[in-house]
Protein backbone atom coordinates (compact mmCIF):
# COMPACT_ATOMS: atom_id res chain seq x y z
CA UNK A 1 29.21 -4.99 -12.42
CA UNK A 2 26.85 -6.94 -10.14
CA UNK A 3 24.35 -9.54 -11.32
CA UNK A 4 21.14 -9.50 -9.26
CA UNK A 5 18.18 -11.87 -8.99
CA UNK A 6 14.81 -10.43 -7.97
CA UNK A 7 12.16 -12.91 -6.92
CA UNK A 8 8.66 -11.54 -7.38
CA UNK A 9 7.09 -9.09 -9.81
CA UNK A 10 5.24 -6.72 -7.50
CA UNK A 11 5.84 -2.99 -7.37
CA UNK A 12 8.93 -3.31 -5.13
CA UNK A 13 10.66 -5.82 -7.35
CA UNK A 14 9.72 -4.13 -10.62
CA UNK A 15 10.77 -0.65 -9.51
CA UNK A 16 14.04 -2.16 -8.34
CA UNK A 17 14.88 -3.96 -11.59
CA UNK A 18 13.77 -1.04 -13.76
CA UNK A 19 15.99 1.33 -11.77
CA UNK A 20 18.95 -1.05 -11.83
CA UNK A 21 18.37 -1.59 -15.55
CA UNK A 22 18.69 2.15 -16.12
CA UNK A 23 22.08 2.02 -14.39
CA UNK A 24 23.30 -0.87 -16.52
CA UNK A 25 23.15 -3.50 -13.78
CA UNK A 26 22.40 -7.07 -14.91
CA UNK A 27 19.16 -8.34 -13.40
CA UNK A 28 16.77 -11.27 -13.77
CA UNK A 29 13.19 -11.37 -12.53
CA UNK A 30 11.93 -14.71 -11.29
CA UNK A 31 8.15 -14.87 -11.01
CA UNK A 32 5.61 -17.65 -10.64
CA UNK A 33 3.08 -15.77 -12.79
CA UNK A 34 3.36 -14.90 -16.45
CA UNK A 35 2.04 -11.43 -17.45
CA UNK A 36 -1.26 -12.88 -18.69
CA UNK A 37 -1.74 -14.58 -15.33
CA UNK A 38 -0.97 -11.32 -13.52
CA UNK A 39 -3.73 -9.65 -15.55
CA UNK A 40 -6.34 -12.22 -14.55
CA UNK A 41 -7.78 -13.57 -11.34
CA UNK A 42 -8.91 -11.56 -8.36
CA UNK A 43 -7.49 -8.14 -7.50
CA UNK A 44 -4.55 -8.50 -5.15
CA UNK A 45 -4.58 -5.00 -3.70
CA UNK A 46 -6.40 -1.67 -3.96
CA UNK A 47 -3.54 0.79 -4.08
CA UNK A 48 -3.26 4.56 -4.41
CA UNK A 49 0.14 5.74 -5.52
CA UNK A 50 1.01 9.12 -4.05
CA UNK A 51 2.78 11.90 -5.93
CA UNK A 52 6.30 10.92 -4.82
CA UNK A 53 5.79 7.42 -6.18
CA UNK A 54 4.48 8.89 -9.43
CA UNK A 55 7.64 10.97 -9.64
CA UNK A 56 9.71 7.80 -9.33
CA UNK A 57 7.61 6.28 -12.12
CA UNK A 58 8.41 9.29 -14.29
CA UNK A 59 12.08 8.79 -13.54
CA UNK A 60 11.69 5.16 -14.63
CA UNK A 61 9.85 6.14 -17.79
CA UNK A 62 6.76 4.12 -16.89
CA UNK A 63 4.27 6.95 -16.40
CA UNK A 64 1.61 5.27 -18.56
CA UNK A 65 -1.38 6.64 -16.67
CA UNK A 66 -0.98 10.42 -16.82
CA UNK A 67 -4.71 11.08 -17.15
CA UNK A 68 -6.69 13.83 -15.50
CA UNK A 69 -9.65 11.52 -14.96
CA UNK A 70 -7.45 9.33 -12.74
CA UNK A 71 -6.09 12.13 -10.56
CA UNK A 72 -7.00 12.02 -6.87
CA UNK A 73 -6.74 15.41 -5.21
CA UNK A 74 -7.32 14.67 -1.55
CA UNK A 75 -9.23 12.80 1.14
CA UNK A 76 -12.79 13.36 2.35
CA UNK A 77 -12.66 12.45 6.04
CA UNK A 78 -16.02 11.70 7.67
CA UNK A 79 -17.08 10.74 11.18
CA UNK A 80 -20.82 10.40 11.73
CA UNK A 81 -21.12 11.77 15.24
CA UNK A 82 -23.07 14.48 17.04
CA UNK A 83 -22.21 16.78 15.41
CA UNK A 84 -20.64 15.06 12.37
CA UNK A 85 -16.97 15.77 11.67
CA UNK A 86 -16.28 16.27 7.98
CA UNK A 87 -13.44 17.87 6.07
CA UNK A 88 -11.69 17.62 2.72
CA UNK A 89 -7.91 17.69 2.96
CA UNK A 90 -5.94 18.44 -0.20
CA UNK A 91 -2.82 16.67 -1.36
CA UNK A 92 0.09 18.80 -2.50
CA UNK A 93 -0.08 17.02 -5.88
CA UNK A 94 -2.47 14.35 -7.16
CA UNK A 95 -2.17 10.65 -6.50
CA UNK A 96 -3.67 8.02 -8.76
CA UNK A 97 -5.11 4.52 -8.59
CA UNK A 98 -4.53 1.75 -11.13
CA UNK A 99 -5.57 -1.88 -10.68
CA UNK A 100 -2.37 -3.87 -10.21
CA UNK A 101 -3.68 -6.39 -12.74
CA UNK A 102 -3.13 -3.55 -15.23
CA UNK A 103 -0.11 -1.91 -13.60
CA UNK A 104 2.23 -4.83 -12.92
CA UNK A 105 2.05 -6.53 -16.35
CA UNK A 106 2.69 -3.16 -18.02
CA UNK A 107 5.85 -2.56 -15.97
CA UNK A 108 7.06 -6.11 -16.49
CA UNK A 109 6.63 -5.62 -20.24
CA UNK A 110 8.59 -2.36 -20.05
CA UNK A 111 11.41 -4.25 -18.37
CA UNK A 112 11.39 -6.98 -21.03
CA UNK A 113 11.18 -4.48 -23.90
CA UNK A 114 14.34 -2.83 -22.55
CA UNK A 115 16.24 -6.10 -22.57
CA UNK A 116 15.31 -7.46 -19.14
CA UNK A 117 15.34 -11.18 -18.42
CA UNK A 118 12.31 -12.95 -16.92
CA UNK A 119 11.96 -16.57 -15.86
CA UNK A 120 8.53 -17.90 -14.96
CA UNK A 121 9.03 -20.65 -12.43
CA UNK A 122 7.79 -22.02 -9.13
CA UNK A 123 10.17 -21.25 -6.33
CA UNK A 124 10.86 -22.25 -2.77
CA UNK A 125 13.75 -21.91 -0.34
CA UNK A 126 15.94 -24.50 -2.13
CA UNK A 127 15.35 -22.60 -5.38
CA UNK A 128 16.45 -19.34 -3.75
CA UNK A 129 19.52 -21.11 -2.43
CA UNK A 130 20.41 -22.28 -5.94
CA UNK A 131 19.89 -18.77 -7.32
CA UNK A 132 22.27 -17.41 -4.69
CA UNK A 133 24.96 -19.52 -6.30
CA UNK A 134 24.22 -18.02 -9.73
CA UNK A 135 23.86 -14.34 -8.80
CA UNK A 136 25.81 -11.86 -6.69
CA UNK A 137 22.69 -10.77 -4.81
CA UNK A 138 19.24 -12.33 -4.36
CA UNK A 139 16.32 -10.06 -3.43
CA UNK A 140 13.06 -11.67 -2.36
CA UNK A 141 10.27 -9.22 -3.17
CA UNK A 142 7.18 -11.38 -2.78
CA UNK A 143 5.18 -11.90 0.38
CA UNK A 144 4.33 -15.53 -0.36
CA UNK A 145 3.88 -17.62 2.78
CA UNK A 146 6.51 -19.98 1.40
CA UNK A 147 9.11 -17.52 2.67
CA UNK A 148 7.51 -16.67 6.02
CA UNK A 149 9.99 -18.87 7.88
CA UNK A 150 12.97 -17.72 5.83
CA UNK A 151 12.87 -14.16 7.14
CA UNK A 152 12.25 -14.25 10.88
CA UNK A 153 9.60 -12.07 12.49
CA UNK A 154 11.05 -9.23 14.61
CA UNK A 155 8.85 -9.22 17.75
CA UNK A 156 9.83 -5.75 19.00
CA UNK A 157 8.75 -4.26 15.66
CA UNK A 158 5.66 -6.44 15.24
CA UNK A 159 3.18 -5.72 18.06
CA UNK A 160 0.29 -7.66 16.52
CA UNK A 161 0.00 -11.43 16.64
CA UNK A 162 -3.49 -11.48 15.12
CA UNK A 163 -5.22 -9.29 12.56
CA UNK A 164 -6.30 -5.96 14.12
CA UNK A 165 -8.82 -5.58 11.29
CA UNK A 166 -10.85 -8.01 9.23
CA UNK A 167 -10.89 -6.88 5.60
CA UNK A 168 -13.31 -6.80 2.70
CA UNK A 169 -12.19 -5.16 -0.54
CA UNK A 170 -13.75 -5.02 -3.98
CA UNK A 171 -14.07 -3.17 -7.27
CA UNK A 172 -17.49 -1.74 -8.11
CA UNK A 173 -19.52 -0.02 -10.78
CA UNK A 174 -22.32 2.39 -9.93
CA UNK A 175 -20.49 4.79 -7.58
CA UNK A 176 -20.48 8.38 -8.83
CA UNK A 177 -17.13 10.20 -8.61
CA UNK A 178 -16.70 12.79 -5.92
CA UNK A 179 -16.02 16.43 -6.80
CA UNK A 180 -13.15 17.10 -6.50
CA UNK A 181 -11.99 13.55 -7.02
CA UNK A 182 -10.80 12.15 -3.73
CA UNK A 183 -10.73 9.25 -1.34
CA UNK A 184 -13.80 8.80 0.82
CA UNK A 185 -12.55 7.85 4.28
CA UNK A 186 -15.24 6.93 6.80
CA UNK A 187 -14.05 6.55 10.38
CA UNK A 188 -16.49 4.59 12.53
CA UNK A 189 -15.47 4.62 16.22
CA UNK A 190 -15.74 1.17 17.73
CA UNK A 191 -16.41 -0.50 14.37
CA UNK A 192 -13.60 0.26 11.93
CA UNK A 193 -13.20 2.21 8.70
CA UNK A 194 -14.51 2.28 5.13
CA UNK A 195 -12.62 3.89 2.28
CA UNK A 196 -13.29 4.16 -1.42
CA UNK A 197 -11.46 5.70 -4.37
CA UNK A 198 -11.67 5.68 -8.15
CA UNK A 199 -9.41 3.19 -9.96
CA UNK A 200 -8.52 2.32 -13.53
CA UNK A 201 -9.21 -1.37 -13.96
CA UNK A 202 -9.24 -4.00 -16.68
CA UNK A 203 -10.46 -3.07 -20.15
CA UNK A 204 -9.60 0.58 -19.44
CA UNK A 205 -12.65 0.90 -17.21
CA UNK A 206 -12.97 3.48 -14.45
CA UNK A 207 -14.41 1.83 -11.37
CA UNK A 208 -14.34 2.35 -7.62
CA UNK A 209 -12.25 0.37 -5.21
CA UNK A 210 -13.77 0.01 -1.75
CA UNK A 211 -12.26 -1.47 1.40
CA UNK A 212 -14.06 -2.20 4.66
CA UNK A 213 -11.74 -2.50 7.66
CA UNK A 214 -13.71 -4.17 10.43
CA UNK A 215 -12.73 -4.37 14.05
CA UNK A 216 -13.00 -8.05 15.03
CA UNK A 217 -16.36 -8.74 16.64
CA UNK A 218 -17.77 -5.38 15.51
CA UNK A 219 -20.77 -4.58 13.31
CA UNK A 220 -18.73 -4.40 10.08
CA UNK A 221 -17.26 -7.87 10.45
CA UNK A 222 -20.05 -9.80 8.64
CA UNK A 223 -18.85 -8.31 5.34
CA UNK A 224 -15.45 -9.90 5.87
CA UNK A 225 -16.73 -13.41 6.47
CA UNK A 226 -16.14 -16.01 3.81
CA UNK A 227 -19.73 -17.25 4.19
CA UNK A 228 -20.93 -14.30 2.11
CA UNK A 229 -18.63 -15.19 -0.77
CA UNK A 230 -20.98 -17.87 -2.08
CA UNK A 231 -23.97 -15.52 -2.37
CA UNK A 232 -23.21 -12.41 -4.42
CA UNK A 233 -26.74 -11.02 -4.00
CA UNK A 234 -26.46 -11.26 -0.22
CA UNK A 235 -23.01 -9.68 -0.33
CA UNK A 236 -24.36 -6.74 -2.33
CA UNK A 237 -27.34 -6.26 -0.03
CA UNK A 238 -25.21 -6.45 3.10
CA UNK A 239 -22.80 -3.90 1.69
CA UNK A 240 -25.53 -1.44 0.72
CA UNK A 241 -27.14 -1.76 4.15
CA UNK A 242 -23.78 -1.25 5.85
CA UNK A 243 -23.02 1.87 3.80
CA UNK A 244 -26.49 3.33 4.44
CA UNK A 245 -25.96 2.99 8.18
CA UNK A 246 -22.29 3.81 8.58
CA UNK A 247 -21.22 5.79 5.48
CA UNK A 248 -24.33 7.68 4.33
CA UNK A 249 -22.48 10.22 2.18
CA UNK A 250 -20.84 7.41 0.24
CA UNK A 251 -24.17 5.60 -0.01
CA UNK A 252 -25.72 8.73 -1.55
CA UNK A 253 -23.29 8.48 -4.47
CA UNK A 254 -24.41 4.95 -5.33
CA UNK A 255 -26.86 4.21 -8.14
CA UNK A 256 -28.53 1.10 -6.78
CA UNK A 257 -29.52 -0.11 -10.25
CA UNK A 258 -25.92 0.04 -11.47
CA UNK A 259 -24.13 -0.91 -8.28
CA UNK A 260 -22.37 -4.25 -8.42
CA UNK A 261 -18.98 -5.88 -8.50
CA UNK A 262 -17.17 -5.25 -11.78
CA UNK A 263 -16.75 -9.03 -12.09
CA UNK A 264 -18.18 -11.78 -9.90
CA UNK A 265 -14.84 -12.47 -8.21
CA UNK A 266 -13.49 -8.91 -8.01
CA UNK A 267 -13.39 -8.90 -4.22
CA UNK A 268 -11.27 -10.19 -1.35
CA UNK A 269 -12.07 -11.12 2.24
CA UNK A 270 -9.85 -12.05 5.15
CA UNK A 271 -7.40 -10.64 7.63
CA UNK A 272 -3.85 -9.35 7.63
CA UNK A 273 -1.39 -9.48 10.49
CA UNK A 274 1.07 -6.55 10.27
CA UNK A 275 4.63 -7.80 10.60
CA UNK A 276 8.25 -6.71 10.23
CA UNK A 277 10.71 -9.46 9.38
CA UNK A 278 14.48 -9.55 9.38
CA UNK A 279 15.99 -7.81 6.36
CA UNK A 280 18.38 -10.67 5.61
CA UNK A 281 18.17 -14.44 5.75
CA UNK A 282 21.03 -16.93 5.78
CA UNK A 283 20.39 -19.69 3.24
CA UNK A 284 21.21 -23.39 3.79
CA UNK A 285 24.36 -23.05 1.65
CA UNK A 286 25.59 -20.11 3.73
CA UNK A 287 24.60 -17.47 1.18
CA UNK A 288 22.20 -14.63 1.93
CA UNK A 289 18.93 -13.26 0.61
CA UNK A 290 17.48 -9.78 1.12
CA UNK A 291 13.79 -9.19 1.83
CA UNK A 292 12.01 -6.29 0.13
CA UNK A 293 8.38 -5.20 -0.02
CA UNK A 294 5.83 -7.58 1.52
CA UNK A 295 8.52 -10.19 2.16
CA UNK A 296 9.99 -7.77 4.69
CA UNK A 297 7.26 -5.41 5.96
CA UNK A 298 3.53 -6.01 5.81
CA UNK A 299 1.32 -3.11 6.93
CA UNK A 300 -2.43 -2.80 7.26
CA UNK A 301 -3.67 -0.84 4.20
CA UNK A 302 -5.52 1.87 6.16
CA UNK A 303 -2.64 4.38 5.96
CA UNK A 304 -2.13 3.68 2.25
CA UNK A 305 1.62 3.17 2.49
CA UNK A 306 2.56 -0.35 1.38
CA UNK A 307 3.23 0.07 -2.34
CA UNK A 308 4.63 3.56 -1.87
CA UNK A 309 7.12 2.36 0.72
CA UNK A 310 8.11 -0.53 -1.54
CA UNK A 311 8.88 1.87 -4.38
CA UNK A 312 10.89 4.16 -2.14
CA UNK A 313 12.93 1.29 -0.72
CA UNK A 314 13.63 -0.02 -4.24
CA UNK A 315 15.20 3.30 -5.21
CA UNK A 316 17.20 3.49 -1.97
CA UNK A 317 18.49 -0.06 -2.45
CA UNK A 318 19.57 0.79 -6.00
CA UNK A 319 21.69 3.66 -4.67
CA UNK A 320 23.47 1.31 -2.26
CA UNK A 321 24.03 -1.34 -4.94
CA UNK A 322 25.60 1.28 -7.21
CA UNK A 323 28.19 2.19 -4.58
CA UNK A 324 30.18 -0.68 -6.17
CA UNK A 325 31.16 -2.27 -2.88
CA UNK A 326 31.11 -5.99 -2.09
CA UNK A 327 27.83 -7.47 -0.89
CA UNK A 328 29.43 -8.43 2.40
CA UNK A 329 28.42 -8.13 6.03
CA UNK A 330 29.08 -4.38 6.03
CA UNK A 331 26.79 -3.97 3.03
CA UNK A 332 24.09 -6.08 4.68
CA UNK A 333 24.24 -4.01 7.86
CA UNK A 334 24.10 -0.75 5.92
CA UNK A 335 21.09 -1.92 3.90
CA UNK A 336 19.25 -3.08 7.01
CA UNK A 337 19.79 0.27 8.75
CA UNK A 338 18.79 2.36 5.75
CA UNK A 339 15.70 0.32 4.94
CA UNK A 340 14.50 0.56 8.53
CA UNK A 341 15.04 4.33 8.56
CA UNK A 342 12.57 4.51 5.69
CA UNK A 343 10.14 1.93 7.03
CA UNK A 344 9.95 2.76 10.73
CA UNK A 345 7.69 5.86 10.42
CA UNK A 346 5.36 3.92 8.11
CA UNK A 347 5.21 0.91 10.42
CA UNK A 348 4.64 3.01 13.55
CA UNK A 349 1.94 5.14 11.94
CA UNK A 350 0.19 2.19 10.29
CA UNK A 351 0.14 0.21 13.53
CA UNK A 352 -1.16 3.19 15.48
CA UNK A 353 -3.93 3.73 12.91
CA UNK A 354 -5.48 0.31 13.61
CA UNK A 355 -4.91 0.42 17.36
CA UNK A 356 -6.98 2.12 20.06
CA UNK A 357 -7.74 5.75 19.13
CA UNK A 358 -4.61 7.79 19.79
CA UNK A 359 -5.06 11.12 21.57
CA UNK A 360 -2.93 12.84 18.94
CA UNK A 361 -5.08 11.60 16.07
CA UNK A 362 -8.23 12.70 17.88
CA UNK A 363 -6.77 16.20 18.31
CA UNK A 364 -5.62 16.42 14.68
CA UNK A 365 -9.02 15.38 13.34
CA UNK A 366 -10.79 17.85 15.60
CA UNK A 367 -8.45 20.65 14.55
CA UNK A 368 -8.81 19.70 10.88
CA UNK A 369 -12.57 19.89 11.11
CA UNK A 370 -12.28 23.44 12.37
CA UNK A 371 -9.34 24.68 10.27
CA UNK A 372 -8.78 23.63 6.61
CA UNK A 373 -5.08 24.37 6.94
CA UNK A 374 -4.70 21.52 9.41
CA UNK A 375 -6.76 19.21 7.21
CA UNK A 376 -4.61 19.97 4.18
CA UNK A 377 -1.37 19.45 6.12
CA UNK A 378 -2.61 16.16 7.60
CA UNK A 379 -3.65 14.77 4.21
CA UNK A 380 -0.50 16.06 2.47
CA UNK A 381 1.54 14.04 4.95
CA UNK A 382 0.17 10.79 3.54
CA UNK A 383 2.92 11.39 0.98
CA UNK A 384 5.44 12.27 3.73
CA UNK A 385 5.28 9.46 6.30
CA UNK A 386 8.21 10.74 8.37
CA UNK A 387 6.43 14.06 8.89
CA UNK A 388 3.17 12.26 9.63
CA UNK A 389 4.75 10.10 12.29
CA UNK A 390 6.53 13.10 13.79
CA UNK A 391 3.10 14.70 14.18
CA UNK A 392 1.57 11.59 15.74
CA UNK A 393 4.25 9.99 17.89
CA UNK A 394 3.34 12.00 21.02
CA UNK A 395 0.52 14.25 22.15
CA UNK A 396 2.98 17.08 22.81
CA UNK A 397 4.37 16.69 19.31
CA UNK A 398 0.86 16.70 17.87
CA UNK A 399 -0.04 19.94 19.58
CA UNK A 400 3.21 21.55 18.50
CA UNK A 401 2.62 20.36 14.92
CA UNK A 402 -0.90 21.82 14.85
CA UNK A 403 0.37 25.17 16.09
CA UNK A 404 3.24 25.11 13.61
CA UNK A 405 0.84 24.45 10.74
CA UNK A 406 -1.34 27.36 11.75
CA UNK A 407 1.61 29.65 12.39
CA UNK A 408 3.44 28.82 9.18
CA UNK A 409 0.30 29.29 7.16
CA UNK A 410 -0.41 32.65 8.74
CA UNK A 411 3.04 34.03 7.87
CA UNK A 412 2.93 33.11 4.19
């Protein structure tokens, strides 16, 4: 039976080792952060896990957050225009949001409690090379910049060379829940997007995660500038003013007296350049390492796919490992093909979402505003990225998809 090293304790790496552990495969997690360090510091991501990811968690036996007050039933899409475009699209089954400072340490503890091995250590390329001599397979599942040169960027799959959005994200008190509970997604043509959703955070507290995606040079960009980080009062004021102007329905849910960051440093600012890297890297010794999760594909968070794709790829990789074939060139080619089959629709859709407005998306949103069936189908496809990309890849395909949704619904 194989012996596998997984570097990084994010959702991709943890779902992988938990699944392999269930199958009796020997694994070791190498991480540079102990569980108590993972549970402290700033939030690293504001993630919603869709139903299919929750089903994988149930299969892993790590469904620790099966609570009705965490369920997210759909997406409120809003465009303040003349007239405004607003609709609520329902998911087929609820998603849920849990602060990764809560989520990741809990899964790592599950792995340890079941006999898993964890080594807390600093690592670099020479360390990975040494691990390749100790294990049959090394999987790098952390997006640390240390490994940016190890897995080469694939230009034809990585159209952006700079961040298409500047980002501000934070966790807040003082935002009333929506009814039904859902994501608030504000689309602001020419400026960017704002989305917010309820999350379970530290100390079992229900809060709201909010992300501002600003087009560079646009009116939302000041929130993403590091200069605001030193003045929390100014940051709060700027955010309230921005929401009042660009996301009034979200602003109406805010109690100004209660509204504030959950902790002084519970926010992030910066930019993210979407990238696809090579699946495999050749190490100095001649061995190989496989990239998974953010080490391989980094998407803008607007489409809400990163963690969900990482989980799905972890399960698919487990199936290939369990075929009990040598980890040779044929195996590497098969893994690369299969992983890209899963990732390509996510990458294409995520890149389109932060590009110039696509005609297909404009038509879908217009149709959804007029017909709830289209809105429900569009939102449901956040959990079915292949179907979403099929609906968005061409204007002809979009129009056919809209008609199919209406026709299928009518015949039920």
